[in-house]
Amino acid sequence: LLINVGANYGEARYTFENDNLNHPFHRLLDDNIRTAGINTTIFKPFNEKHYALAYYGAEYSGNYTVDNMQSASFIKHTFLGVFGWKFNERFQFGFGATQSYRAGEINYFPIIMYNYTSAEGNWGIEMLAPARAHFRYRFSSKSLILAGMDLEGTSYHISNRDGIFPAEDPNNEILREGFEYDPNKIELRRSEIRLNLKFEQALTDFIWFSAQVGYALNYRSDVDSGEFFRGFFKDDPYVMENNVAGVPYLQIGLNLVSP
């Protein structure tokens, strides 16, 4: 039985031209948004061929600050379960399901896990679709490069500080005509498709350095009211729909890895 525990913290910063700050939603985002989370992964082999993988993550996401925290009721929960086959040391396959916010809002996805390493051992494929998929090339046991994509996202609770977002919009200047919503339950559904190239190097058996460059394509950056399951085929309108341009990015990290 293998159990891994992790934690993460990240911030997304926005910059607006002054005239755009007249919009209430932009004024709420001007303090930036952040996410803090914990997660655990459990790997259980049943025998030499069959195994199960379970994942749980909790994320506290929003425009909160140390002086203005939000209710714990806005914590987002992710669950994943996979049943798989280990055909040999180079090939594993599994399938399962997940409750996830990677697409920006709560959704339920089928999961396919596919891990393959060539007979020579220097290249392979790592895939947990639809969350991520990468081609891998290994220079040595302590140095490798990956190229592929990641679907990243979550739902951020946007606190309506000082009543910036109006309870009513009689002139339809902000909201859709006749749209009803709760200004104290605003959620930014944010999701990106990240095309990337990542280099990883072991500094020690326990510490790995990583450098990632890529381009983040906006998948969703819309605003909802409250927490509910929309699904792929419902046409429930959003409070706001936003178009966000793609952006290049650079990410540097240190990872603690089981030897």
C-alpha atoms as a PDB file:
ATOM      1  CA  LEU A   1       0.000   0.000   0.000  1.00  0.00           C
ATOM      2  CA  LEU A   2       1.438   3.368  -1.078  1.00  0.00           C
ATOM      3  CA  ILE A   3       0.050   6.656   0.273  1.00  0.00           C
ATOM      4  CA  ASN A   4       1.221  10.076  -0.960  1.00  0.00           C
ATOM      5  CA  VAL A   5       0.156  13.358   0.643  1.00  0.00           C
ATOM      6  CA  GLY A   6       0.626  16.776  -0.946  1.00  0.00           C
ATOM      7  CA  ALA A   7      -0.190  20.462  -0.582  1.00  0.00           C
ATOM      8  CA  ASN A   8      -0.304  23.357  -3.018  1.00  0.00           C
ATOM      9  CA  TYR A   9      -0.672  27.121  -3.093  1.00  0.00           C
ATOM     10  CA  GLY A  10      -0.976  29.383  -6.104  1.00  0.00           C
ATOM     11  CA  GLU A  11      -2.076  32.855  -7.135  1.00  0.00           C
ATOM     12  CA  ALA A  12      -3.454  34.268 -10.380  1.00  0.00           C
ATOM     13  CA  ARG A  13      -2.914  37.982 -10.882  1.00  0.00           C
ATOM     14  CA  TYR A  14      -4.938  40.263 -13.131  1.00  0.00           C
ATOM     15  CA  THR A  15      -4.102  43.679 -14.541  1.00  0.00           C
ATOM     16  CA  PHE A  16      -6.829  45.889 -15.993  1.00  0.00           C
ATOM     17  CA  GLU A  17      -6.775  49.187 -17.798  1.00  0.00           C
ATOM     18  CA  ASN A  18      -8.305  51.875 -15.614  1.00  0.00           C
ATOM     19  CA  ASP A  19     -11.509  52.246 -17.639  1.00  0.00           C
ATOM     20  CA  ASN A  20     -12.230  48.512 -17.233  1.00  0.00           C
ATOM     21  CA  LEU A  21     -12.231  48.861 -13.441  1.00  0.00           C
ATOM     22  CA  ASN A  22     -15.634  50.513 -13.704  1.00  0.00           C
ATOM     23  CA  HIS A  23     -17.058  47.014 -14.036  1.00  0.00           C
ATOM     24  CA  PRO A  24     -17.884  45.529 -10.595  1.00  0.00           C
ATOM     25  CA  PHE A  25     -16.485  42.093 -11.398  1.00  0.00           C
ATOM     26  CA  HIS A  26     -13.143  43.509 -12.534  1.00  0.00           C
ATOM     27  CA  ARG A  27     -12.919  45.542  -9.329  1.00  0.00           C
ATOM     28  CA  LEU A  28     -13.372  42.336  -7.295  1.00  0.00           C
ATOM     29  CA  LEU A  29     -10.655  40.586  -9.307  1.00  0.00           C
ATOM     30  CA  ASP A  30      -8.261  43.503  -8.916  1.00  0.00           C
ATOM     31  CA  ASP A  31      -7.123  42.040  -5.567  1.00  0.00           C
ATOM     32  CA  ASN A  32      -6.171  38.813  -7.410  1.00  0.00           C
ATOM     33  CA  ILE A  33      -7.360  35.250  -6.760  1.00  0.00           C
ATOM     34  CA  ARG A  34      -5.601  32.418  -4.976  1.00  0.00           C
ATOM     35  CA  THR A  35      -5.983  28.743  -4.162  1.00  0.00           C
ATOM     36  CA  ALA A  36      -4.653  26.577  -1.341  1.00  0.00           C
ATOM     37  CA  GLY A  37      -5.171  22.838  -1.254  1.00  0.00           C
ATOM     38  CA  ILE A  38      -4.295  19.483   0.216  1.00  0.00           C
ATOM     39  CA  ASN A  39      -4.510  16.105  -1.496  1.00  0.00           C
ATOM     40  CA  THR A  40      -3.771  12.443  -1.036  1.00  0.00           C
ATOM     41  CA  THR A  41      -3.259   9.568  -3.469  1.00  0.00           C
ATOM     42  CA  ILE A  42      -3.602   5.918  -2.433  1.00  0.00           C
ATOM     43  CA  PHE A  43      -2.235   3.088  -4.571  1.00  0.00           C
ATOM     44  CA  LYS A  44      -3.292  -0.456  -3.680  1.00  0.00           C
ATOM     45  CA  PRO A  45      -2.059  -3.513  -5.639  1.00  0.00           C
ATOM     46  CA  PHE A  46      -4.284  -6.579  -5.275  1.00  0.00           C
ATOM     47  CA  ASN A  47      -1.797  -8.942  -6.913  1.00  0.00           C
ATOM     48  CA  GLU A  48       0.973  -8.780  -9.511  1.00  0.00           C
ATOM     49  CA  LYS A  49      -1.476  -7.699 -12.225  1.00  0.00           C
ATOM     50  CA  HIS A  50      -4.408  -5.746 -10.731  1.00  0.00           C
ATOM     51  CA  TYR A  51      -4.398  -2.517  -8.757  1.00  0.00           C
ATOM     52  CA  ALA A  52      -6.626   0.354  -7.643  1.00  0.00           C
ATOM     53  CA  LEU A  53      -5.811   4.058  -7.415  1.00  0.00           C
ATOM     54  CA  ALA A  54      -7.807   6.597  -5.377  1.00  0.00           C
ATOM     55  CA  TYR A  55      -7.333  10.359  -5.110  1.00  0.00           C
ATOM     56  CA  TYR A  56      -8.917  13.048  -2.956  1.00  0.00           C
ATOM     57  CA  GLY A  57      -8.204  16.785  -3.050  1.00  0.00           C
ATOM     58  CA  ALA A  58      -9.697  19.819  -1.277  1.00  0.00           C
ATOM     59  CA  GLU A  59      -9.104  23.352  -2.555  1.00  0.00           C
ATOM     60  CA  TYR A  60      -9.859  26.671  -0.879  1.00  0.00           C
ATOM     61  CA  SER A  61     -10.083  29.057  -3.829  1.00  0.00           C
ATOM     62  CA  GLY A  62     -11.210  32.646  -4.167  1.00  0.00           C
ATOM     63  CA  ASN A  63     -10.304  36.318  -3.832  1.00  0.00           C
ATOM     64  CA  TYR A  64      -9.886  36.014  -0.074  1.00  0.00           C
ATOM     65  CA  THR A  65      -7.102  37.684   1.908  1.00  0.00           C
ATOM     66  CA  VAL A  66      -5.632  36.999   5.332  1.00  0.00           C
ATOM     67  CA  ASP A  67      -7.841  39.775   6.734  1.00  0.00           C
ATOM     68  CA  ASN A  68     -10.934  38.700   4.827  1.00  0.00           C
ATOM     69  CA  MET A  69     -11.252  34.908   4.688  1.00  0.00           C
ATOM     70  CA  GLN A  70     -14.266  33.161   3.164  1.00  0.00           C
ATOM     71  CA  SER A  71     -16.512  30.445   4.554  1.00  0.00           C
ATOM     72  CA  ALA A  72     -15.223  26.863   4.528  1.00  0.00           C
ATOM     73  CA  SER A  73     -18.478  25.943   2.767  1.00  0.00           C
ATOM     74  CA  PHE A  74     -16.846  27.141  -0.476  1.00  0.00           C
ATOM     75  CA  ILE A  75     -14.099  24.467  -0.351  1.00  0.00           C
ATOM     76  CA  LYS A  76     -14.058  22.406  -3.576  1.00  0.00           C
ATOM     77  CA  HIS A  77     -13.705  18.625  -3.366  1.00  0.00           C
ATOM     78  CA  THR A  78     -12.203  16.379  -6.045  1.00  0.00           C
ATOM     79  CA  PHE A  79     -12.501  12.579  -6.068  1.00  0.00           C
ATOM     80  CA  LEU A  80     -10.963  10.059  -8.454  1.00  0.00           C
ATOM     81  CA  GLY A  81     -10.993   6.278  -8.605  1.00  0.00           C
ATOM     82  CA  VAL A  82      -9.218   4.000 -11.101  1.00  0.00           C
ATOM     83  CA  PHE A  83      -9.052   0.224 -11.483  1.00  0.00           C
ATOM     84  CA  GLY A  84      -6.093  -0.958 -13.527  1.00  0.00           C
ATOM     85  CA  TRP A  85      -3.969  -3.725 -14.979  1.00  0.00           C
ATOM     86  CA  LYS A  86      -0.188  -3.959 -14.829  1.00  0.00           C
ATOM     87  CA  PHE A  87       0.596  -6.112 -17.837  1.00  0.00           C
ATOM     88  CA  ASN A  88       4.348  -5.800 -17.268  1.00  0.00           C
ATOM     89  CA  GLU A  89       6.877  -3.323 -15.875  1.00  0.00           C
ATOM     90  CA  ARG A  90       6.518  -1.146 -18.987  1.00  0.00           C
ATOM     91  CA  PHE A  91       2.760  -1.064 -19.552  1.00  0.00           C
ATOM     92  CA  GLN A  92      -0.136  -0.189 -17.241  1.00  0.00           C
ATOM     93  CA  PHE A  93      -3.728   0.561 -18.203  1.00  0.00           C
ATOM     94  CA  GLY A  94      -6.724   1.554 -16.120  1.00  0.00           C
ATOM     95  CA  PHE A  95     -10.150   3.172 -16.231  1.00  0.00           C
ATOM     96  CA  GLY A  96     -12.371   4.909 -13.710  1.00  0.00           C
ATOM     97  CA  ALA A  97     -14.261   8.136 -12.994  1.00  0.00           C
ATOM     98  CA  THR A  98     -13.776  11.472 -11.283  1.00  0.00           C
ATOM     99  CA  GLN A  99     -15.625  14.423  -9.790  1.00  0.00           C
ATOM    100  CA  SER A 100     -13.456  17.353 -10.796  1.00  0.00           C
ATOM    101  CA  TYR A 101     -13.268  21.136 -11.242  1.00  0.00           C
ATOM    102  CA  ARG A 102     -10.523  21.012 -13.882  1.00  0.00           C
ATOM    103  CA  ALA A 103     -13.000  22.261 -16.490  1.00  0.00           C
ATOM    104  CA  GLY A 104     -13.778  25.214 -14.218  1.00  0.00           C
ATOM    105  CA  GLU A 105     -17.054  23.933 -12.784  1.00  0.00           C
ATOM    106  CA  ILE A 106     -18.092  20.735 -11.061  1.00  0.00           C
ATOM    107  CA  ASN A 107     -18.307  17.913 -13.535  1.00  0.00           C
ATOM    108  CA  TYR A 108     -18.075  14.141 -13.781  1.00  0.00           C
ATOM    109  CA  PHE A 109     -15.671  12.527 -16.240  1.00  0.00           C
ATOM    110  CA  PRO A 110     -14.694   8.997 -17.236  1.00  0.00           C
ATOM    111  CA  ILE A 111     -10.960   8.456 -16.706  1.00  0.00           C
ATOM    112  CA  ILE A 112      -8.456   6.507 -18.810  1.00  0.00           C
ATOM    113  CA  MET A 113      -4.983   5.844 -17.421  1.00  0.00           C
ATOM    114  CA  TYR A 114      -2.289   4.744 -19.855  1.00  0.00           C
ATOM    115  CA  ASN A 115       1.402   4.433 -18.982  1.00  0.00           C
ATOM    116  CA  TYR A 116       3.831   2.941 -21.464  1.00  0.00           C
ATOM    117  CA  THR A 117       7.633   2.735 -21.631  1.00  0.00           C
ATOM    118  CA  SER A 118       9.538   1.506 -24.654  1.00  0.00           C
ATOM    119  CA  ALA A 119      11.639  -1.659 -24.507  1.00  0.00           C
ATOM    120  CA  GLU A 120      14.772   0.488 -24.647  1.00  0.00           C
ATOM    121  CA  GLY A 121      13.471   2.421 -21.633  1.00  0.00           C
ATOM    122  CA  ASN A 122      14.260   5.879 -22.972  1.00  0.00           C
ATOM    123  CA  TRP A 123      10.824   7.049 -24.163  1.00  0.00           C
ATOM    124  CA  GLY A 124       7.218   6.538 -23.179  1.00  0.00           C
ATOM    125  CA  ILE A 125       3.706   7.924 -22.698  1.00  0.00           C
ATOM    126  CA  GLU A 126       2.078   9.108 -19.473  1.00  0.00           C
ATOM    127  CA  MET A 127      -1.653   9.788 -19.735  1.00  0.00           C
ATOM    128  CA  LEU A 128      -4.539  10.360 -17.356  1.00  0.00           C
ATOM    129  CA  ALA A 129      -7.170  11.546 -19.831  1.00  0.00           C
ATOM    130  CA  PRO A 130      -8.786  14.032 -19.984  1.00  0.00           C
ATOM    131  CA  ALA A 131      -6.650  15.703 -17.285  1.00  0.00           C
ATOM    132  CA  ARG A 132      -3.224  15.338 -18.890  1.00  0.00           C
ATOM    133  CA  ALA A 133      -1.183  13.514 -21.533  1.00  0.00           C
ATOM    134  CA  HIS A 134       2.590  13.647 -22.155  1.00  0.00           C
ATOM    135  CA  PHE A 135       5.271  12.053 -24.257  1.00  0.00           C
ATOM    136  CA  ARG A 136       8.348  11.333 -22.130  1.00  0.00           C
ATOM    137  CA  TYR A 137      12.002  11.045 -23.089  1.00  0.00           C
ATOM    138  CA  ARG A 138      14.504   9.938 -20.447  1.00  0.00           C
ATOM    139  CA  PHE A 139      18.131  10.999 -20.822  1.00  0.00           C
ATOM    140  CA  SER A 140      19.087   9.039 -17.713  1.00  0.00           C
ATOM    141  CA  SER A 141      17.534   7.747 -14.506  1.00  0.00           C
ATOM    142  CA  LYS A 142      17.811  11.276 -13.091  1.00  0.00           C
ATOM    143  CA  SER A 143      16.987  13.469 -16.089  1.00  0.00           C
ATOM    144  CA  LEU A 144      13.960  13.550 -18.399  1.00  0.00           C
ATOM    145  CA  ILE A 145      11.838  15.790 -20.596  1.00  0.00           C
ATOM    146  CA  LEU A 146       8.056  15.714 -21.154  1.00  0.00           C
ATOM    147  CA  ALA A 147       5.919  17.319 -23.875  1.00  0.00           C
ATOM    148  CA  GLY A 148       2.126  17.438 -23.899  1.00  0.00           C
ATOM    149  CA  MET A 149      -0.890  19.090 -22.318  1.00  0.00           C
ATOM    150  CA  ASP A 150      -2.603  19.620 -18.984  1.00  0.00           C
ATOM    151  CA  LEU A 151      -6.178  20.667 -18.265  1.00  0.00           C
ATOM    152  CA  GLU A 152      -5.971  22.976 -15.244  1.00  0.00           C
ATOM    153  CA  GLY A 153      -8.751  24.814 -13.445  1.00  0.00           C
ATOM    154  CA  THR A 154     -11.091  25.212 -10.522  1.00  0.00           C
ATOM    155  CA  SER A 155     -14.005  27.344  -9.347  1.00  0.00           C
ATOM    156  CA  TYR A 156     -13.127  30.450  -7.323  1.00  0.00           C
ATOM    157  CA  HIS A 157     -15.581  32.004  -4.893  1.00  0.00           C
ATOM    158  CA  ILE A 158     -15.543  35.774  -5.427  1.00  0.00           C
ATOM    159  CA  SER A 159     -16.491  37.550  -2.198  1.00  0.00           C
ATOM    160  CA  ASN A 160     -18.765  40.514  -2.897  1.00  0.00           C
ATOM    161  CA  ARG A 161     -16.816  42.868  -0.642  1.00  0.00           C
ATOM    162  CA  ASP A 162     -18.539  46.145   0.234  1.00  0.00           C
ATOM    163  CA  GLY A 163     -21.467  45.186  -1.986  1.00  0.00           C
ATOM    164  CA  ILE A 164     -19.510  46.012  -5.153  1.00  0.00           C
ATOM    165  CA  PHE A 165     -21.584  43.609  -7.256  1.00  0.00           C
ATOM    166  CA  PRO A 166     -25.190  44.865  -7.379  1.00  0.00           C
ATOM    167  CA  ALA A 167     -28.096  42.820  -6.047  1.00  0.00           C
ATOM    168  CA  GLU A 168     -30.201  44.119  -8.935  1.00  0.00           C
ATOM    169  CA  ASP A 169     -29.412  45.435 -12.393  1.00  0.00           C
ATOM    170  CA  PRO A 170     -32.597  47.129 -13.639  1.00  0.00           C
ATOM    171  CA  ASN A 171     -30.920  48.655 -16.700  1.00  0.00           C
ATOM    172  CA  ASN A 172     -29.265  45.367 -17.739  1.00  0.00           C
ATOM    173  CA  GLU A 173     -25.868  47.062 -17.871  1.00  0.00           C
ATOM    174  CA  ILE A 174     -24.049  44.086 -16.322  1.00  0.00           C
ATOM    175  CA  LEU A 175     -26.318  41.050 -16.335  1.00  0.00           C
ATOM    176  CA  ARG A 176     -28.490  39.393 -18.924  1.00  0.00           C
ATOM    177  CA  GLU A 177     -31.999  40.738 -19.180  1.00  0.00           C
ATOM    178  CA  GLY A 178     -34.209  39.234 -16.491  1.00  0.00           C
ATOM    179  CA  PHE A 179     -31.331  37.219 -14.991  1.00  0.00           C
ATOM    180  CA  GLU A 180     -31.645  36.327 -11.306  1.00  0.00           C
ATOM    181  CA  TYR A 181     -28.591  35.560  -9.166  1.00  0.00           C
ATOM    182  CA  ASP A 182     -27.189  35.803  -5.649  1.00  0.00           C
ATOM    183  CA  PRO A 183     -24.366  38.418  -5.522  1.00  0.00           C
ATOM    184  CA  ASN A 184     -22.954  36.719  -2.410  1.00  0.00           C
ATOM    185  CA  LYS A 185     -22.427  33.393  -4.216  1.00  0.00           C
ATOM    186  CA  ILE A 186     -20.408  34.520  -7.226  1.00  0.00           C
ATOM    187  CA  GLU A 187     -18.123  31.832  -8.696  1.00  0.00           C
ATOM    188  CA  LEU A 188     -15.445  32.355 -11.337  1.00  0.00           C
ATOM    189  CA  ARG A 189     -15.293  29.162 -13.431  1.00  0.00           C
ATOM    190  CA  ARG A 190     -11.670  29.307 -14.593  1.00  0.00           C
ATOM    191  CA  SER A 191      -9.994  26.652 -16.744  1.00  0.00           C
ATOM    192  CA  GLU A 192      -7.005  26.495 -19.096  1.00  0.00           C
ATOM    193  CA  ILE A 193      -5.559  24.011 -21.550  1.00  0.00           C
ATOM    194  CA  ARG A 194      -1.792  24.215 -21.056  1.00  0.00           C
ATOM    195  CA  LEU A 195       0.433  23.071 -23.905  1.00  0.00           C
ATOM    196  CA  ASN A 196       3.850  22.610 -22.382  1.00  0.00           C
ATOM    197  CA  LEU A 197       7.396  21.318 -22.443  1.00  0.00           C
ATOM    198  CA  LYS A 198       8.858  20.293 -19.077  1.00  0.00           C
ATOM    199  CA  PHE A 199      12.379  19.369 -18.011  1.00  0.00           C
ATOM    200  CA  GLU A 200      12.992  17.463 -14.757  1.00  0.00           C
ATOM    201  CA  GLN A 201      16.338  16.834 -13.084  1.00  0.00           C
ATOM    202  CA  ALA A 202      17.065  14.963  -9.853  1.00  0.00           C
ATOM    203  CA  LEU A 203      19.173  17.008  -7.436  1.00  0.00           C
ATOM    204  CA  THR A 204      19.132  14.165  -4.906  1.00  0.00           C
ATOM    205  CA  ASP A 205      17.177  10.907  -4.638  1.00  0.00           C
ATOM    206  CA  PHE A 206      14.494  12.885  -2.804  1.00  0.00           C
ATOM    207  CA  ILE A 207      14.517  16.345  -4.456  1.00  0.00           C
ATOM    208  CA  TRP A 208      13.785  17.040  -8.136  1.00  0.00           C
ATOM    209  CA  PHE A 209      14.054  20.343  -9.986  1.00  0.00           C
ATOM    210  CA  SER A 210      11.553  21.119 -12.765  1.00  0.00           C
ATOM    211  CA  ALA A 211      11.282  23.879 -15.371  1.00  0.00           C
ATOM    212  CA  GLN A 212       8.213  24.186 -17.585  1.00  0.00           C
ATOM    213  CA  VAL A 213       7.466  26.501 -20.519  1.00  0.00           C
ATOM    214  CA  GLY A 214       4.219  26.564 -22.417  1.00  0.00           C
ATOM    215  CA  TYR A 215       1.174  28.367 -23.686  1.00  0.00           C
ATOM    216  CA  ALA A 216      -2.087  28.535 -21.730  1.00  0.00           C
ATOM    217  CA  LEU A 217      -5.254  28.539 -23.840  1.00  0.00           C
ATOM    218  CA  ASN A 218      -8.395  29.815 -22.139  1.00  0.00           C
ATOM    219  CA  TYR A 219     -11.043  27.078 -21.943  1.00  0.00           C
ATOM    220  CA  ARG A 220     -13.487  28.802 -19.600  1.00  0.00           C
ATOM    221  CA  SER A 221     -13.483  32.076 -17.667  1.00  0.00           C
ATOM    222  CA  ASP A 222     -17.178  32.577 -16.967  1.00  0.00           C
ATOM    223  CA  VAL A 223     -19.133  33.641 -13.903  1.00  0.00           C
ATOM    224  CA  ASP A 224     -21.864  31.618 -12.207  1.00  0.00           C
ATOM    225  CA  SER A 225     -24.072  32.141  -9.190  1.00  0.00           C
ATOM    226  CA  GLY A 226     -23.918  29.319  -6.652  1.00  0.00           C
ATOM    227  CA  GLU A 227     -22.705  25.740  -6.825  1.00  0.00           C
ATOM    228  CA  PHE A 228     -24.594  23.385  -9.140  1.00  0.00           C
ATOM    229  CA  PHE A 229     -24.021  20.765 -11.801  1.00  0.00           C
ATOM    230  CA  ARG A 230     -24.551  22.144 -15.283  1.00  0.00           C
ATOM    231  CA  GLY A 231     -23.268  19.201 -17.309  1.00  0.00           C
ATOM    232  CA  PHE A 232     -22.188  19.286 -20.921  1.00  0.00           C
ATOM    233  CA  PHE A 233     -25.584  19.490 -22.580  1.00  0.00           C
ATOM    234  CA  LYS A 234     -27.529  21.964 -20.454  1.00  0.00           C
ATOM    235  CA  ASP A 235     -27.872  25.507 -21.778  1.00  0.00           C
ATOM    236  CA  ASP A 236     -28.246  27.297 -18.429  1.00  0.00           C
ATOM    237  CA  PRO A 237     -26.895  30.831 -18.953  1.00  0.00           C
ATOM    238  CA  TYR A 238     -23.925  32.172 -17.053  1.00  0.00           C
ATOM    239  CA  VAL A 239     -24.101  35.403 -15.064  1.00  0.00           C
ATOM    240  CA  MET A 240     -21.254  36.656 -17.265  1.00  0.00           C
ATOM    241  CA  GLU A 241     -19.354  35.177 -20.182  1.00  0.00           C
ATOM    242  CA  ASN A 242     -15.767  36.351 -20.722  1.00  0.00           C
ATOM    243  CA  ASN A 243     -13.292  35.944 -23.559  1.00  0.00           C
ATOM    244  CA  VAL A 244      -9.690  35.732 -22.337  1.00  0.00           C
ATOM    245  CA  ALA A 245      -6.664  35.613 -24.625  1.00  0.00           C
ATOM    246  CA  GLY A 246      -4.050  32.909 -24.350  1.00  0.00           C
ATOM    247  CA  VAL A 247      -0.758  33.636 -22.623  1.00  0.00           C
ATOM    248  CA  PRO A 248       2.753  32.117 -22.564  1.00  0.00           C
ATOM    249  CA  TYR A 249       3.996  31.017 -19.155  1.00  0.00           C
ATOM    250  CA  LEU A 250       7.075  29.801 -17.295  1.00  0.00           C
ATOM    251  CA  GLN A 251       6.929  27.610 -14.207  1.00  0.00           C
ATOM    252  CA  ILE A 252       9.851  26.644 -11.940  1.00  0.00           C
ATOM    253  CA  GLY A 253       9.502  24.101  -9.158  1.00  0.00           C
ATOM    254  CA  LEU A 254      11.127  21.836  -6.606  1.00  0.00           C
ATOM    255  CA  ASN A 255       9.414  18.506  -5.982  1.00  0.00           C
ATOM    256  CA  LEU A 256       9.813  16.063  -3.118  1.00  0.00           C
ATOM    257  CA  VAL A 257       9.622  12.574  -4.630  1.00  0.00           C
ATOM    258  CA  SER A 258       9.606   9.144  -3.027  1.00  0.00           C
ATOM    259  CA  PRO A 259      12.957   7.474  -3.880  1.00  0.00           C
END
